[in-house]
Amino acid sequence: MAEAGKRVVSCPTCAQPVAWGPQSPFRPFCCARCKLIDLGQWATEQYRVPDEAVQDGAEPDERSGA
């Protein structure tokens, strides 16, 4: 269990607990492997940042009236 005042987060890839501090060089990931898995998911577009133009079906110029 974590000491009082120490922050522990879950690895975004595998959900293992990770102490938040200099002893965890890959934070918020638990290891280099989980960090690379996450990078690979971004690179293959499995993760995406939503675009308002795509969601409402309008082109950016149509929404702004330009």
N, C-alpha and C. Protein backbone atom coordinates (compact mmCIF):
# COMPACT_ATOMS: atom_id res chain seq x y z
N MET A 1 0.84 -1.19 0.00
CA MET A 1 0.00 0.00 0.00
C MET A 1 0.87 1.24 0.00
N ALA A 2 0.41 2.31 -0.58
CA ALA A 2 1.18 3.53 -0.67
C ALA A 2 1.27 4.22 0.68
N GLU A 3 2.40 4.90 0.90
CA GLU A 3 2.58 5.65 2.12
C GLU A 3 1.65 6.86 2.11
N ALA A 4 1.36 7.39 3.31
CA ALA A 4 0.51 8.57 3.41
C ALA A 4 1.16 9.72 2.65
N GLY A 5 0.38 10.43 1.86
CA GLY A 5 0.87 11.55 1.08
C GLY A 5 1.49 11.17 -0.25
N LYS A 6 1.64 9.91 -0.55
CA LYS A 6 2.19 9.47 -1.83
C LYS A 6 1.03 9.25 -2.79
N ARG A 7 1.15 9.77 -3.98
CA ARG A 7 0.10 9.62 -4.97
C ARG A 7 0.34 8.37 -5.79
N VAL A 8 -0.70 7.58 -5.98
CA VAL A 8 -0.64 6.37 -6.79
C VAL A 8 -1.72 6.48 -7.86
N VAL A 9 -1.34 6.25 -9.11
CA VAL A 9 -2.28 6.29 -10.23
C VAL A 9 -2.30 4.93 -10.90
N SER A 10 -3.30 4.69 -11.72
CA SER A 10 -3.39 3.44 -12.48
C SER A 10 -2.77 3.63 -13.85
N CYS A 11 -1.99 2.65 -14.27
CA CYS A 11 -1.41 2.69 -15.61
C CYS A 11 -2.56 2.72 -16.63
N PRO A 12 -2.56 3.66 -17.58
CA PRO A 12 -3.65 3.74 -18.56
C PRO A 12 -3.76 2.51 -19.46
N THR A 13 -2.70 1.74 -19.58
CA THR A 13 -2.72 0.58 -20.47
C THR A 13 -3.16 -0.68 -19.75
N CYS A 14 -2.56 -0.97 -18.59
CA CYS A 14 -2.84 -2.25 -17.92
C CYS A 14 -3.50 -2.10 -16.55
N ALA A 15 -3.67 -0.90 -16.06
CA ALA A 15 -4.34 -0.57 -14.80
C ALA A 15 -3.55 -0.97 -13.55
N GLN A 16 -2.28 -1.30 -13.68
CA GLN A 16 -1.47 -1.58 -12.50
C GLN A 16 -1.22 -0.27 -11.75
N PRO A 17 -1.11 -0.33 -10.42
CA PRO A 17 -0.81 0.89 -9.66
C PRO A 17 0.60 1.38 -9.94
N VAL A 18 0.75 2.71 -10.09
CA VAL A 18 2.04 3.33 -10.37
C VAL A 18 2.23 4.48 -9.38
N ALA A 19 3.32 4.46 -8.64
CA ALA A 19 3.64 5.56 -7.73
C ALA A 19 4.02 6.77 -8.57
N TRP A 20 3.44 7.93 -8.24
CA TRP A 20 3.72 9.15 -9.00
C TRP A 20 4.92 9.83 -8.37
N GLY A 21 6.06 9.70 -9.02
CA GLY A 21 7.27 10.32 -8.51
C GLY A 21 8.47 9.93 -9.34
N PRO A 22 9.63 10.44 -8.97
CA PRO A 22 10.84 10.18 -9.76
C PRO A 22 11.25 8.71 -9.82
N GLN A 23 10.74 7.90 -8.90
CA GLN A 23 11.07 6.47 -8.93
C GLN A 23 10.32 5.74 -10.04
N SER A 24 9.38 6.40 -10.70
CA SER A 24 8.60 5.81 -11.80
C SER A 24 8.89 6.60 -13.08
N PRO A 25 9.94 6.25 -13.80
CA PRO A 25 10.35 7.05 -14.96
C PRO A 25 9.37 7.04 -16.14
N PHE A 26 8.45 6.08 -16.19
CA PHE A 26 7.51 5.99 -17.31
C PHE A 26 6.13 6.52 -16.96
N ARG A 27 5.99 7.16 -15.80
CA ARG A 27 4.67 7.62 -15.35
C ARG A 27 3.97 8.44 -16.42
N PRO A 28 2.72 8.28 -16.64
CA PRO A 28 1.76 7.51 -15.83
C PRO A 28 1.73 6.03 -16.16
N PHE A 29 2.62 5.57 -17.03
CA PHE A 29 2.66 4.15 -17.39
C PHE A 29 3.53 3.40 -16.39
N CYS A 30 3.30 2.10 -16.26
CA CYS A 30 4.07 1.30 -15.30
C CYS A 30 5.42 0.88 -15.87
N CYS A 31 5.55 0.84 -17.20
CA CYS A 31 6.80 0.38 -17.81
C CYS A 31 6.88 0.89 -19.25
N ALA A 32 8.04 0.69 -19.85
CA ALA A 32 8.25 1.12 -21.24
C ALA A 32 7.30 0.40 -22.19
N ARG A 33 7.02 -0.86 -21.91
CA ARG A 33 6.13 -1.65 -22.78
C ARG A 33 4.74 -1.01 -22.86
N CYS A 34 4.17 -0.65 -21.71
CA CYS A 34 2.84 -0.04 -21.71
C CYS A 34 2.87 1.32 -22.41
N LYS A 35 3.96 2.06 -22.24
CA LYS A 35 4.11 3.35 -22.91
C LYS A 35 4.12 3.17 -24.42
N LEU A 36 4.84 2.16 -24.92
CA LEU A 36 4.91 1.90 -26.36
C LEU A 36 3.59 1.37 -26.91
N ILE A 37 2.87 0.59 -26.13
CA ILE A 37 1.54 0.12 -26.56
C ILE A 37 0.63 1.31 -26.78
N ASP A 38 0.64 2.27 -25.85
CA ASP A 38 -0.19 3.46 -25.97
C ASP A 38 0.22 4.28 -27.18
N LEU A 39 1.52 4.46 -27.39
CA LEU A 39 2.00 5.20 -28.56
C LEU A 39 1.55 4.53 -29.85
N GLY A 40 1.61 3.21 -29.88
CA GLY A 40 1.17 2.46 -31.06
C GLY A 40 -0.31 2.64 -31.34
N GLN A 41 -1.12 2.75 -30.29
CA GLN A 41 -2.55 2.96 -30.48
C GLN A 41 -2.83 4.34 -31.06
N TRP A 42 -2.06 5.35 -30.64
CA TRP A 42 -2.20 6.67 -31.26
C TRP A 42 -1.73 6.63 -32.71
N ALA A 43 -0.62 5.95 -32.97
CA ALA A 43 -0.05 5.92 -34.32
C ALA A 43 -0.95 5.21 -35.32
N THR A 44 -1.69 4.20 -34.86
CA THR A 44 -2.59 3.48 -35.76
C THR A 44 -4.01 4.04 -35.73
N GLU A 45 -4.16 5.21 -35.11
CA GLU A 45 -5.43 5.94 -35.04
C GLU A 45 -6.53 5.17 -34.30
N GLN A 46 -6.14 4.31 -33.35
CA GLN A 46 -7.14 3.68 -32.50
C GLN A 46 -7.67 4.69 -31.49
N TYR A 47 -6.87 5.69 -31.16
CA TYR A 47 -7.30 6.82 -30.34
C TYR A 47 -7.43 8.00 -31.29
N ARG A 48 -8.46 8.81 -31.09
CA ARG A 48 -8.64 9.99 -31.93
C ARG A 48 -9.17 11.14 -31.09
N VAL A 49 -8.77 12.34 -31.44
CA VAL A 49 -9.30 13.54 -30.83
C VAL A 49 -10.50 13.95 -31.67
N PRO A 50 -11.66 14.12 -31.06
CA PRO A 50 -12.85 14.45 -31.85
C PRO A 50 -12.72 15.80 -32.56
N ASP A 51 -13.29 15.86 -33.75
CA ASP A 51 -13.29 17.07 -34.55
C ASP A 51 -14.73 17.53 -34.69
N GLU A 52 -15.02 18.77 -34.31
CA GLU A 52 -16.39 19.27 -34.35
C GLU A 52 -16.98 19.22 -35.75
N ALA A 53 -16.17 19.49 -36.77
CA ALA A 53 -16.67 19.49 -38.14
C ALA A 53 -17.17 18.11 -38.55
N VAL A 54 -16.51 17.07 -38.10
CA VAL A 54 -16.91 15.71 -38.44
C VAL A 54 -18.17 15.32 -37.68
N GLN A 55 -18.29 15.74 -36.44
CA GLN A 55 -19.44 15.36 -35.62
C GLN A 55 -20.74 15.95 -36.13
N ASP A 56 -20.75 17.22 -36.52
CA ASP A 56 -22.01 17.82 -36.95
C ASP A 56 -22.21 17.76 -38.46
N GLY A 57 -21.24 17.26 -39.19
CA GLY A 57 -21.38 17.07 -40.62
C GLY A 57 -21.10 18.30 -41.45
N ALA A 58 -20.83 19.45 -40.82
CA ALA A 58 -20.58 20.68 -41.56
C ALA A 58 -19.09 20.90 -41.72
N GLU A 59 -18.73 21.52 -42.82
CA GLU A 59 -17.34 21.91 -43.03
C GLU A 59 -17.06 23.14 -42.16
N PRO A 60 -15.80 23.36 -41.77
CA PRO A 60 -15.48 24.52 -40.91
C PRO A 60 -15.95 25.85 -41.51
N ASP A 61 -15.83 26.05 -42.84
CA ASP A 61 -16.26 27.30 -43.46
C ASP A 61 -17.78 27.47 -43.39
N GLU A 62 -18.54 26.40 -43.45
CA GLU A 62 -20.00 26.48 -43.38
C GLU A 62 -20.45 26.91 -41.99
N ARG A 63 -19.75 26.43 -40.94
CA ARG A 63 -20.15 26.77 -39.58
C ARG A 63 -19.86 28.22 -39.24
N SER A 64 -18.76 28.77 -39.77
CA SER A 64 -18.38 30.13 -39.42
C SER A 64 -19.09 31.17 -40.28
N GLY A 65 -19.73 30.74 -41.33
CA GLY A 65 -20.44 31.65 -42.20
C GLY A 65 -19.53 32.32 -43.22
N ALA A 66 -18.29 31.88 -43.32
CA ALA A 66 -17.33 32.50 -44.25
C ALA A 66 -17.48 31.91 -45.64
